[in-house]
PDB file of N, CA and C in Angstrom:
ATOM      1  N   MET A   1     -10.428 -23.450  39.638  1.00  0.00           N
ATOM      2  CA  MET A   1      -9.706 -24.674  39.883  1.00  0.00           C
ATOM      3  C   MET A   1     -10.625 -25.856  39.554  1.00  0.00           C
ATOM      4  N   THR A   2     -10.133 -26.766  38.763  1.00  0.00           N
ATOM      5  CA  THR A   2     -10.892 -27.951  38.391  1.00  0.00           C
ATOM      6  C   THR A   2     -10.356 -29.149  39.154  1.00  0.00           C
ATOM      7  N   VAL A   3     -11.258 -29.848  39.801  1.00  0.00           N
ATOM      8  CA  VAL A   3     -10.878 -31.050  40.541  1.00  0.00           C
ATOM      9  C   VAL A   3     -11.253 -32.257  39.693  1.00  0.00           C
ATOM     10  N   GLU A   4     -10.271 -33.094  39.397  1.00  0.00           N
ATOM     11  CA  GLU A   4     -10.536 -34.298  38.621  1.00  0.00           C
ATOM     12  C   GLU A   4     -10.971 -35.415  39.563  1.00  0.00           C
ATOM     13  N   LEU A   5     -12.150 -35.958  39.314  1.00  0.00           N
ATOM     14  CA  LEU A   5     -12.678 -37.032  40.151  1.00  0.00           C
ATOM     15  C   LEU A   5     -12.292 -38.383  39.561  1.00  0.00           C
ATOM     16  N   PRO A   6     -12.088 -39.370  40.432  1.00  0.00           N
ATOM     17  CA  PRO A   6     -11.746 -40.697  39.913  1.00  0.00           C
ATOM     18  C   PRO A   6     -12.927 -41.315  39.174  1.00  0.00           C
ATOM     19  N   GLU A   7     -12.614 -42.130  38.173  1.00  0.00           N
ATOM     20  CA  GLU A   7     -13.644 -42.839  37.424  1.00  0.00           C
ATOM     21  C   GLU A   7     -14.239 -43.940  38.294  1.00  0.00           C
ATOM     22  N   LEU A   8     -15.560 -44.066  38.257  1.00  0.00           N
ATOM     23  CA  LEU A   8     -16.258 -45.100  39.029  1.00  0.00           C
ATOM     24  C   LEU A   8     -16.685 -46.236  38.111  1.00  0.00           C
ATOM     25  N   GLN A   9     -16.628 -47.441  38.646  1.00  0.00           N
ATOM     26  CA  GLN A   9     -17.183 -48.608  37.962  1.00  0.00           C
ATOM     27  C   GLN A   9     -18.267 -49.158  38.875  1.00  0.00           C
ATOM     28  N   GLN A  10     -19.452 -49.424  38.322  1.00  0.00           N
ATOM     29  CA  GLN A  10     -20.552 -49.951  39.136  1.00  0.00           C
ATOM     30  C   GLN A  10     -21.156 -51.170  38.464  1.00  0.00           C
ATOM     31  N   GLU A  11     -21.577 -52.097  39.296  1.00  0.00           N
ATOM     32  CA  GLU A  11     -22.181 -53.335  38.803  1.00  0.00           C
ATOM     33  C   GLU A  11     -23.066 -53.912  39.900  1.00  0.00           C
ATOM     34  N   ILE A  12     -24.168 -54.531  39.518  1.00  0.00           N
ATOM     35  CA  ILE A  12     -24.966 -55.319  40.461  1.00  0.00           C
ATOM     36  C   ILE A  12     -24.399 -56.735  40.418  1.00  0.00           C
ATOM     37  N   ILE A  13     -24.035 -57.261  41.591  1.00  0.00           N
ATOM     38  CA  ILE A  13     -23.437 -58.593  41.656  1.00  0.00           C
ATOM     39  C   ILE A  13     -24.320 -59.526  42.479  1.00  0.00           C
ATOM     40  N   ASP A  14     -24.260 -60.817  42.160  1.00  0.00           N
ATOM     41  CA  ASP A  14     -25.028 -61.810  42.907  1.00  0.00           C
ATOM     42  C   ASP A  14     -24.163 -62.391  44.025  1.00  0.00           C
ATOM     43  N   ALA A  15     -24.732 -63.321  44.782  1.00  0.00           N
ATOM     44  CA  ALA A  15     -24.031 -63.882  45.946  1.00  0.00           C
ATOM     45  C   ALA A  15     -22.743 -64.599  45.556  1.00  0.00           C
ATOM     46  N   SER A  16     -22.751 -65.335  44.445  1.00  0.00           N
ATOM     47  CA  SER A  16     -21.527 -66.052  44.063  1.00  0.00           C
ATOM     48  C   SER A  16     -20.428 -65.084  43.638  1.00  0.00           C
ATOM     49  N   THR A  17     -20.796 -63.985  42.991  1.00  0.00           N
ATOM     50  CA  THR A  17     -19.799 -62.977  42.613  1.00  0.00           C
ATOM     51  C   THR A  17     -19.278 -62.257  43.849  1.00  0.00           C
ATOM     52  N   LEU A  18     -20.150 -62.000  44.817  1.00  0.00           N
ATOM     53  CA  LEU A  18     -19.709 -61.408  46.081  1.00  0.00           C
ATOM     54  C   LEU A  18     -18.701 -62.331  46.764  1.00  0.00           C
ATOM     55  N   GLU A  19     -18.983 -63.625  46.769  1.00  0.00           N
ATOM     56  CA  GLU A  19     -18.058 -64.603  47.364  1.00  0.00           C
ATOM     57  C   GLU A  19     -16.697 -64.553  46.659  1.00  0.00           C
ATOM     58  N   ARG A  20     -16.716 -64.487  45.319  1.00  0.00           N
ATOM     59  CA  ARG A  20     -15.450 -64.422  44.567  1.00  0.00           C
ATOM     60  C   ARG A  20     -14.696 -63.128  44.860  1.00  0.00           C
ATOM     61  N   LEU A  21     -15.427 -62.010  44.983  1.00  0.00           N
ATOM     62  CA  LEU A  21     -14.788 -60.740  45.324  1.00  0.00           C
ATOM     63  C   LEU A  21     -14.063 -60.855  46.663  1.00  0.00           C
ATOM     64  N   LEU A  22     -14.737 -61.408  47.662  1.00  0.00           N
ATOM     65  CA  LEU A  22     -14.130 -61.542  48.986  1.00  0.00           C
ATOM     66  C   LEU A  22     -12.942 -62.504  48.955  1.00  0.00           C
ATOM     67  N   ASP A  23     -13.045 -63.581  48.170  1.00  0.00           N
ATOM     68  CA  ASP A  23     -11.915 -64.504  48.016  1.00  0.00           C
ATOM     69  C   ASP A  23     -10.731 -63.802  47.349  1.00  0.00           C
ATOM     70  N   ASP A  24     -11.006 -62.993  46.313  1.00  0.00           N
ATOM     71  CA  ASP A  24      -9.938 -62.249  45.632  1.00  0.00           C
ATOM     72  C   ASP A  24      -9.271 -61.258  46.576  1.00  0.00           C
ATOM     73  N   LEU A  25     -10.069 -60.561  47.386  1.00  0.00           N
ATOM     74  CA  LEU A  25      -9.494 -59.625  48.354  1.00  0.00           C
ATOM     75  C   LEU A  25      -8.593 -60.359  49.338  1.00  0.00           C
ATOM     76  N   ALA A  26      -9.038 -61.523  49.802  1.00  0.00           N
ATOM     77  CA  ALA A  26      -8.235 -62.305  50.751  1.00  0.00           C
ATOM     78  C   ALA A  26      -6.920 -62.749  50.119  1.00  0.00           C
ATOM     79  N   ALA A  27      -6.960 -63.116  48.848  1.00  0.00           N
ATOM     80  CA  ALA A  27      -5.778 -63.663  48.185  1.00  0.00           C
ATOM     81  C   ALA A  27      -4.830 -62.596  47.643  1.00  0.00           C
ATOM     82  N   CYS A  28      -5.374 -61.460  47.204  1.00  0.00           N
ATOM     83  CA  CYS A  28      -4.555 -60.527  46.421  1.00  0.00           C
ATOM     84  C   CYS A  28      -4.395 -59.125  47.001  1.00  0.00           C
ATOM     85  N   ALA A  29      -5.265 -58.718  47.916  1.00  0.00           N
ATOM     86  CA  ALA A  29      -5.225 -57.333  48.410  1.00  0.00           C
ATOM     87  C   ALA A  29      -4.100 -57.150  49.422  1.00  0.00           C
ATOM     88  N   GLU A  30      -3.446 -56.017  49.335  1.00  0.00           N
ATOM     89  CA  GLU A  30      -2.439 -55.625  50.319  1.00  0.00           C
ATOM     90  C   GLU A  30      -3.007 -54.466  51.127  1.00  0.00           C
ATOM     91  N   ASP A  31      -2.602 -54.360  52.378  1.00  0.00           N
ATOM     92  CA  ASP A  31      -3.039 -53.261  53.256  1.00  0.00           C
ATOM     93  C   ASP A  31      -4.562 -53.137  53.288  1.00  0.00           C
ATOM     94  N   LEU A  32      -5.253 -54.259  53.385  1.00  0.00           N
ATOM     95  CA  LEU A  32      -6.714 -54.267  53.340  1.00  0.00           C
ATOM     96  C   LEU A  32      -7.306 -53.637  54.595  1.00  0.00           C
ATOM     97  N   GLU A  33      -8.240 -52.724  54.381  1.00  0.00           N
ATOM     98  CA  GLU A  33      -8.988 -52.096  55.465  1.00  0.00           C
ATOM     99  C   GLU A  33     -10.471 -52.354  55.203  1.00  0.00           C
ATOM    100  N   VAL A  34     -11.187 -52.877  56.191  1.00  0.00           N
ATOM    101  CA  VAL A  34     -12.612 -53.185  56.067  1.00  0.00           C
ATOM    102  C   VAL A  34     -13.385 -52.194  56.927  1.00  0.00           C
ATOM    103  N   LEU A  35     -14.292 -51.433  56.289  1.00  0.00           N
ATOM    104  CA  LEU A  35     -15.070 -50.405  56.984  1.00  0.00           C
ATOM    105  C   LEU A  35     -16.558 -50.740  56.860  1.00  0.00           C
ATOM    106  N   PRO A  36     -17.107 -51.485  57.832  1.00  0.00           N
ATOM    107  CA  PRO A  36     -18.512 -51.888  57.763  1.00  0.00           C
ATOM    108  C   PRO A  36     -19.459 -50.783  58.233  1.00  0.00           C
ATOM    109  N   LYS A  37     -20.704 -50.868  57.751  1.00  0.00           N
ATOM    110  CA  LYS A  37     -21.748 -49.954  58.207  1.00  0.00           C
ATOM    111  C   LYS A  37     -22.998 -50.776  58.486  1.00  0.00           C
ATOM    112  N   ARG A  38     -23.477 -50.701  59.718  1.00  0.00           N
ATOM    113  CA  ARG A  38     -24.641 -51.500  60.120  1.00  0.00           C
ATOM    114  C   ARG A  38     -25.953 -50.916  59.623  1.00  0.00           C
ATOM    115  N   GLY A  39     -26.047 -49.630  59.487  1.00  0.00           N
ATOM    116  CA  GLY A  39     -27.284 -49.002  59.034  1.00  0.00           C
ATOM    117  C   GLY A  39     -27.106 -47.503  58.994  1.00  0.00           C
ATOM    118  N   ARG A  40     -28.107 -46.829  58.479  1.00  0.00           N
ATOM    119  CA  ARG A  40     -28.016 -45.384  58.309  1.00  0.00           C
ATOM    120  C   ARG A  40     -27.641 -44.685  59.612  1.00  0.00           C
ATOM    121  N   HIS A  41     -28.210 -45.110  60.717  1.00  0.00           N
ATOM    122  CA  HIS A  41     -27.942 -44.461  61.999  1.00  0.00           C
ATOM    123  C   HIS A  41     -27.142 -45.351  62.935  1.00  0.00           C
ATOM    124  N   ARG A  42     -26.565 -46.424  62.416  1.00  0.00           N
ATOM    125  CA  ARG A  42     -25.815 -47.356  63.255  1.00  0.00           C
ATOM    126  C   ARG A  42     -24.468 -47.713  62.628  1.00  0.00           C
ATOM    127  N   PRO A  43     -23.581 -46.746  62.429  1.00  0.00           N
ATOM    128  CA  PRO A  43     -22.276 -47.115  61.890  1.00  0.00           C
ATOM    129  C   PRO A  43     -21.507 -47.948  62.904  1.00  0.00           C
ATOM    130  N   CYS A  44     -20.643 -48.796  62.407  1.00  0.00           N
ATOM    131  CA  CYS A  44     -19.793 -49.570  63.311  1.00  0.00           C
ATOM    132  C   CYS A  44     -18.774 -48.626  63.924  1.00  0.00           C
ATOM    133  N   GLU A  45     -18.435 -48.883  65.146  1.00  0.00           N
ATOM    134  CA  GLU A  45     -17.555 -47.991  65.880  1.00  0.00           C
ATOM    135  C   GLU A  45     -16.146 -48.009  65.293  1.00  0.00           C
ATOM    136  N   PRO A  46     -15.596 -46.811  64.953  1.00  0.00           N
ATOM    137  CA  PRO A  46     -14.210 -46.781  64.506  1.00  0.00           C
ATOM    138  C   PRO A  46     -13.304 -47.205  65.647  1.00  0.00           C
ATOM    139  N   GLY A  47     -12.257 -47.902  65.308  1.00  0.00           N
ATOM    140  CA  GLY A  47     -11.318 -48.332  66.339  1.00  0.00           C
ATOM    141  C   GLY A  47     -11.811 -49.522  67.124  1.00  0.00           C
ATOM    142  N   GLY A  48     -13.012 -50.017  66.806  1.00  0.00           N
ATOM    143  CA  GLY A  48     -13.523 -51.206  67.482  1.00  0.00           C
ATOM    144  C   GLY A  48     -12.792 -52.433  66.978  1.00  0.00           C
ATOM    145  N   SER A  49     -13.346 -53.588  67.265  1.00  0.00           N
ATOM    146  CA  SER A  49     -12.672 -54.801  66.826  1.00  0.00           C
ATOM    147  C   SER A  49     -12.583 -54.806  65.304  1.00  0.00           C
ATOM    148  N   GLU A  50     -11.447 -55.243  64.796  1.00  0.00           N
ATOM    149  CA  GLU A  50     -11.262 -55.275  63.356  1.00  0.00           C
ATOM    150  C   GLU A  50     -12.165 -56.327  62.744  1.00  0.00           C
ATOM    151  N   TRP A  51     -12.731 -56.017  61.607  1.00  0.00           N
ATOM    152  CA  TRP A  51     -13.593 -56.947  60.904  1.00  0.00           C
ATOM    153  C   TRP A  51     -12.738 -57.817  59.999  1.00  0.00           C
ATOM    154  N   THR A  52     -12.931 -59.105  60.096  1.00  0.00           N
ATOM    155  CA  THR A  52     -12.262 -60.026  59.186  1.00  0.00           C
ATOM    156  C   THR A  52     -13.125 -60.168  57.938  1.00  0.00           C
ATOM    157  N   LEU A  53     -12.523 -60.672  56.874  1.00  0.00           N
ATOM    158  CA  LEU A  53     -13.311 -60.919  55.672  1.00  0.00           C
ATOM    159  C   LEU A  53     -14.365 -61.990  55.923  1.00  0.00           C
ATOM    160  N   ALA A  54     -14.041 -62.987  56.747  1.00  0.00           N
ATOM    161  CA  ALA A  54     -15.016 -64.044  57.054  1.00  0.00           C
ATOM    162  C   ALA A  54     -16.232 -63.469  57.777  1.00  0.00           C
ATOM    163  N   ALA A  55     -16.003 -62.602  58.762  1.00  0.00           N
ATOM    164  CA  ALA A  55     -17.112 -61.979  59.496  1.00  0.00           C
ATOM    165  C   ALA A  55     -17.908 -61.056  58.579  1.00  0.00           C
ATOM    166  N   THR A  56     -17.213 -60.344  57.706  1.00  0.00           N
ATOM    167  CA  THR A  56     -17.878 -59.442  56.772  1.00  0.00           C
ATOM    168  C   THR A  56     -18.735 -60.232  55.789  1.00  0.00           C
ATOM    169  N   ARG A  57     -18.195 -61.336  55.286  1.00  0.00           N
ATOM    170  CA  ARG A  57     -18.935 -62.204  54.354  1.00  0.00           C
ATOM    171  C   ARG A  57     -20.249 -62.662  54.988  1.00  0.00           C
ATOM    172  N   GLU A  58     -20.155 -63.185  56.197  1.00  0.00           N
ATOM    173  CA  GLU A  58     -21.343 -63.687  56.897  1.00  0.00           C
ATOM    174  C   GLU A  58     -22.354 -62.566  57.139  1.00  0.00           C
ATOM    175  N   ALA A  59     -21.874 -61.404  57.587  1.00  0.00           N
ATOM    176  CA  ALA A  59     -22.764 -60.284  57.900  1.00  0.00           C
ATOM    177  C   ALA A  59     -23.448 -59.740  56.648  1.00  0.00           C
ATOM    178  N   LEU A  60     -22.733 -59.688  55.522  1.00  0.00           N
ATOM    179  CA  LEU A  60     -23.347 -59.227  54.278  1.00  0.00           C
ATOM    180  C   LEU A  60     -24.399 -60.216  53.781  1.00  0.00           C
ATOM    181  N   LEU A  61     -24.048 -61.499  53.787  1.00  0.00           N
ATOM    182  CA  LEU A  61     -24.956 -62.512  53.249  1.00  0.00           C
ATOM    183  C   LEU A  61     -26.225 -62.676  54.079  1.00  0.00           C
ATOM    184  N   CYS A  62     -26.147 -62.433  55.399  1.00  0.00           N
ATOM    185  CA  CYS A  62     -27.352 -62.573  56.231  1.00  0.00           C
ATOM    186  C   CYS A  62     -28.085 -61.242  56.404  1.00  0.00           C
ATOM    187  N   GLY A  63     -27.575 -60.161  55.804  1.00  0.00           N
ATOM    188  CA  GLY A  63     -28.263 -58.877  55.861  1.00  0.00           C
ATOM    189  C   GLY A  63     -28.010 -58.068  57.116  1.00  0.00           C
ATOM    190  N   GLU A  64     -27.010 -58.458  57.906  1.00  0.00           N
ATOM    191  CA  GLU A  64     -26.690 -57.734  59.138  1.00  0.00           C
ATOM    192  C   GLU A  64     -26.059 -56.373  58.851  1.00  0.00           C
ATOM    193  N   LEU A  65     -25.340 -56.256  57.739  1.00  0.00           N
ATOM    194  CA  LEU A  65     -24.682 -54.995  57.395  1.00  0.00           C
ATOM    195  C   LEU A  65     -25.471 -54.249  56.332  1.00  0.00           C
ATOM    196  N   HIS A  66     -25.505 -52.934  56.475  1.00  0.00           N
ATOM    197  CA  HIS A  66     -26.108 -52.072  55.461  1.00  0.00           C
ATOM    198  C   HIS A  66     -25.157 -51.927  54.278  1.00  0.00           C
ATOM    199  N   GLY A  67     -23.889 -52.077  54.534  1.00  0.00           N
ATOM    200  CA  GLY A  67     -22.885 -51.953  53.488  1.00  0.00           C
ATOM    201  C   GLY A  67     -21.503 -52.096  54.072  1.00  0.00           C
ATOM    202  N   VAL A  68     -20.525 -52.107  53.190  1.00  0.00           N
ATOM    203  CA  VAL A  68     -19.134 -52.204  53.626  1.00  0.00           C
ATOM    204  C   VAL A  68     -18.248 -51.559  52.564  1.00  0.00           C
ATOM    205  N   GLN A  69     -17.177 -50.973  53.029  1.00  0.00           N
ATOM    206  CA  GLN A  69     -16.196 -50.396  52.122  1.00  0.00           C
ATOM    207  C   GLN A  69     -14.872 -51.108  52.358  1.00  0.00           C
ATOM    208  N   PHE A  70     -14.229 -51.484  51.259  1.00  0.00           N
ATOM    209  CA  PHE A  70     -12.913 -52.112  51.314  1.00  0.00           C
ATOM    210  C   PHE A  70     -11.921 -51.148  50.683  1.00  0.00           C
ATOM    211  N   ARG A  71     -10.876 -50.839  51.421  1.00  0.00           N
ATOM    212  CA  ARG A  71      -9.787 -50.021  50.878  1.00  0.00           C
ATOM    213  C   ARG A  71      -8.544 -50.886  50.900  1.00  0.00           C
ATOM    214  N   TYR A  72      -7.833 -50.910  49.781  1.00  0.00           N
ATOM    215  CA  TYR A  72      -6.717 -51.835  49.650  1.00  0.00           C
ATOM    216  C   TYR A  72      -5.796 -51.412  48.510  1.00  0.00           C
ATOM    217  N   ARG A  73      -4.687 -52.115  48.408  1.00  0.00           N
ATOM    218  CA  ARG A  73      -3.760 -51.952  47.293  1.00  0.00           C
ATOM    219  C   ARG A  73      -3.700 -53.266  46.521  1.00  0.00           C
ATOM    220  N   HIS A  74      -3.577 -53.119  45.210  1.00  0.00           N
ATOM    221  CA  HIS A  74      -3.363 -54.278  44.344  1.00  0.00           C
ATOM    222  C   HIS A  74      -2.402 -53.851  43.245  1.00  0.00           C
ATOM    223  N   GLN A  75      -1.282 -54.533  43.155  1.00  0.00           N
ATOM    224  CA  GLN A  75      -0.239 -54.232  42.174  1.00  0.00           C
ATOM    225  C   GLN A  75       0.147 -52.755  42.200  1.00  0.00           C
ATOM    226  N   GLY A  76       0.302 -52.202  43.404  1.00  0.00           N
ATOM    227  CA  GLY A  76       0.763 -50.829  43.568  1.00  0.00           C
ATOM    228  C   GLY A  76      -0.308 -49.760  43.443  1.00  0.00           C
ATOM    229  N   GLN A  77      -1.508 -50.123  43.058  1.00  0.00           N
ATOM    230  CA  GLN A  77      -2.604 -49.167  42.900  1.00  0.00           C
ATOM    231  C   GLN A  77      -3.525 -49.253  44.114  1.00  0.00           C
ATOM    232  N   ALA A  78      -3.917 -48.099  44.659  1.00  0.00           N
ATOM    233  CA  ALA A  78      -4.875 -48.058  45.767  1.00  0.00           C
ATOM    234  C   ALA A  78      -6.292 -48.071  45.190  1.00  0.00           C
ATOM    235  N   TRP A  79      -7.170 -48.873  45.816  1.00  0.00           N
ATOM    236  CA  TRP A  79      -8.550 -49.039  45.367  1.00  0.00           C
ATOM    237  C   TRP A  79      -9.518 -48.862  46.528  1.00  0.00           C
ATOM    238  N   CYS A  80     -10.733 -48.496  46.197  1.00  0.00           N
ATOM    239  CA  CYS A  80     -11.819 -48.427  47.168  1.00  0.00           C
ATOM    240  C   CYS A  80     -13.035 -49.103  46.543  1.00  0.00           C
ATOM    241  N   ASP A  81     -13.500 -50.184  47.162  1.00  0.00           N
ATOM    242  CA  ASP A  81     -14.709 -50.891  46.732  1.00  0.00           C
ATOM    243  C   ASP A  81     -15.780 -50.684  47.792  1.00  0.00           C
ATOM    244  N   THR A  82     -16.977 -50.306  47.367  1.00  0.00           N
ATOM    245  CA  THR A  82     -18.111 -50.164  48.272  1.00  0.00           C
ATOM    246  C   THR A  82     -19.179 -51.166  47.847  1.00  0.00           C
ATOM    247  N   VAL A  83     -19.687 -51.930  48.806  1.00  0.00           N
ATOM    248  CA  VAL A  83     -20.718 -52.933  48.539  1.00  0.00           C
ATOM    249  C   VAL A  83     -21.948 -52.574  49.370  1.00  0.00           C
ATOM    250  N   LEU A  84     -23.083 -52.397  48.685  1.00  0.00           N
ATOM    251  CA  LEU A  84     -24.358 -52.068  49.332  1.00  0.00           C
ATOM    252  C   LEU A  84     -25.434 -53.026  48.834  1.00  0.00           C
ATOM    253  N   PRO A  85     -26.409 -53.378  49.685  1.00  0.00           N
ATOM    254  CA  PRO A  85     -27.509 -54.221  49.214  1.00  0.00           C
ATOM    255  C   PRO A  85     -28.272 -53.517  48.094  1.00  0.00           C
ATOM    256  N   ALA A  86     -28.729 -54.307  47.127  1.00  0.00           N
ATOM    257  CA  ALA A  86     -29.496 -53.770  46.000  1.00  0.00           C
ATOM    258  C   ALA A  86     -30.466 -54.850  45.532  1.00  0.00           C
ATOM    259  N   PRO A  87     -31.533 -54.461  44.834  1.00  0.00           N
ATOM    260  CA  PRO A  87     -32.426 -55.478  44.276  1.00  0.00           C
ATOM    261  C   PRO A  87     -31.628 -56.439  43.386  1.00  0.00           C
ATOM    262  N   GLY A  88     -31.771 -57.714  43.630  1.00  0.00           N
ATOM    263  CA  GLY A  88     -31.059 -58.708  42.834  1.00  0.00           C
ATOM    264  C   GLY A  88     -29.665 -59.029  43.329  1.00  0.00           C
ATOM    265  N   GLY A  89     -29.256 -58.464  44.457  1.00  0.00           N
ATOM    266  CA  GLY A  89     -27.922 -58.763  44.981  1.00  0.00           C
ATOM    267  C   GLY A  89     -27.316 -57.593  45.723  1.00  0.00           C
ATOM    268  N   TRP A  90     -26.135 -57.172  45.267  1.00  0.00           N
ATOM    269  CA  TRP A  90     -25.403 -56.077  45.898  1.00  0.00           C
ATOM    270  C   TRP A  90     -24.861 -55.169  44.814  1.00  0.00           C
ATOM    271  N   ARG A  91     -24.822 -53.877  45.116  1.00  0.00           N
ATOM    272  CA  ARG A  91     -24.209 -52.919  44.198  1.00  0.00           C
ATOM    273  C   ARG A  91     -22.744 -52.777  44.594  1.00  0.00           C
ATOM    274  N   LEU A  92     -21.863 -53.066  43.649  1.00  0.00           N
ATOM    275  CA  LEU A  92     -20.430 -52.889  43.842  1.00  0.00           C
ATOM    276  C   LEU A  92     -20.015 -51.627  43.112  1.00  0.00           C
ATOM    277  N   THR A  93     -19.429 -50.687  43.840  1.00  0.00           N
ATOM    278  CA  THR A  93     -18.868 -49.478  43.249  1.00  0.00           C
ATOM    279  C   THR A  93     -17.377 -49.509  43.515  1.00  0.00           C
ATOM    280  N   ARG A  94     -16.586 -49.415  42.455  1.00  0.00           N
ATOM    281  CA  ARG A  94     -15.123 -49.482  42.579  1.00  0.00           C
ATOM    282  C   ARG A  94     -14.520 -48.222  41.983  1.00  0.00           C
ATOM    283  N   MET A  95     -13.520 -47.697  42.689  1.00  0.00           N
ATOM    284  CA  MET A  95     -12.776 -46.578  42.124  1.00  0.00           C
ATOM    285  C   MET A  95     -11.306 -46.710  42.487  1.00  0.00           C
ATOM    286  N   ALA A  96     -10.484 -46.304  41.541  1.00  0.00           N
ATOM    287  CA  ALA A  96      -9.046 -46.268  41.770  1.00  0.00           C
ATOM    288  C   ALA A  96      -8.732 -44.967  42.490  1.00  0.00           C
ATOM    289  N   LEU A  97      -7.948 -45.076  43.541  1.00  0.00           N
ATOM    290  CA  LEU A  97      -7.488 -43.892  44.258  1.00  0.00           C
ATOM    291  C   LEU A  97      -6.136 -43.505  43.683  1.00  0.00           C
ATOM    292  N   GLY A  98      -5.643 -42.331  44.018  1.00  0.00           N
ATOM    293  CA  GLY A  98      -4.330 -41.921  43.540  1.00  0.00           C
ATOM    294  C   GLY A  98      -3.283 -42.963  43.886  1.00  0.00           C
ATOM    295  N   ALA A  99      -2.341 -43.185  42.995  1.00  0.00           N
ATOM    296  CA  ALA A  99      -1.325 -44.227  43.201  1.00  0.00           C
ATOM    297  C   ALA A  99      -0.568 -44.030  44.500  1.00  0.00           C
ATOM    298  N   SER A 100      -0.462 -42.784  44.963  1.00  0.00           N
ATOM    299  CA  SER A 100       0.286 -42.544  46.198  1.00  0.00           C
ATOM    300  C   SER A 100      -0.613 -42.458  47.427  1.00  0.00           C
ATOM    301  N   SER A 101      -1.935 -42.605  47.243  1.00  0.00           N
ATOM    302  CA  SER A 101      -2.857 -42.515  48.378  1.00  0.00           C
ATOM    303  C   SER A 101      -2.863 -43.817  49.155  1.00  0.00           C
ATOM    304  N   PRO A 102      -2.577 -43.776  50.456  1.00  0.00           N
ATOM    305  CA  PRO A 102      -2.669 -44.999  51.249  1.00  0.00           C
ATOM    306  C   PRO A 102      -4.121 -45.342  51.513  1.00  0.00           C
ATOM    307  N   PRO A 103      -4.428 -46.626  51.807  1.00  0.00           N
ATOM    308  CA  PRO A 103      -5.796 -46.957  52.194  1.00  0.00           C
ATOM    309  C   PRO A 103      -6.224 -46.081  53.368  1.00  0.00           C
ATOM    310  N   GLY A 104      -7.490 -45.711  53.374  1.00  0.00           N
ATOM    311  CA  GLY A 104      -7.999 -44.837  54.421  1.00  0.00           C
ATOM    312  C   GLY A 104      -7.981 -43.379  54.009  1.00  0.00           C
ATOM    313  N   THR A 105      -7.399 -43.099  52.828  1.00  0.00           N
ATOM    314  CA  THR A 105      -7.334 -41.737  52.321  1.00  0.00           C
ATOM    315  C   THR A 105      -8.159 -41.656  51.052  1.00  0.00           C
ATOM    316  N   PRO A 106      -9.207 -40.836  51.010  1.00  0.00           N
ATOM    317  CA  PRO A 106     -10.022 -40.739  49.785  1.00  0.00           C
ATOM    318  C   PRO A 106      -9.260 -40.102  48.653  1.00  0.00           C
TER     319      PRO A 106
END
């Protein structure tokens, strides 16, 4: 049995591009789910207070978060974006999920 994996897109982005990404998510994403991670051994509690994009923006820019994953829909397609700190900014990894996969489903 062969499992087809989704194609990944990766890019190192700077602070202004991160700001534009968050603005685009606020304006265009449907069913947005924000999954923050504070550190390797300090994940944010599932079911805890929901993270807003504003809180996520501040936490990423000040280095409070180790990373964050955004799951959302745009024009009927489900997407998963992962943002992690990297030299020179942040590493953005984006992948399209199956068209019928709801956010929260890999």
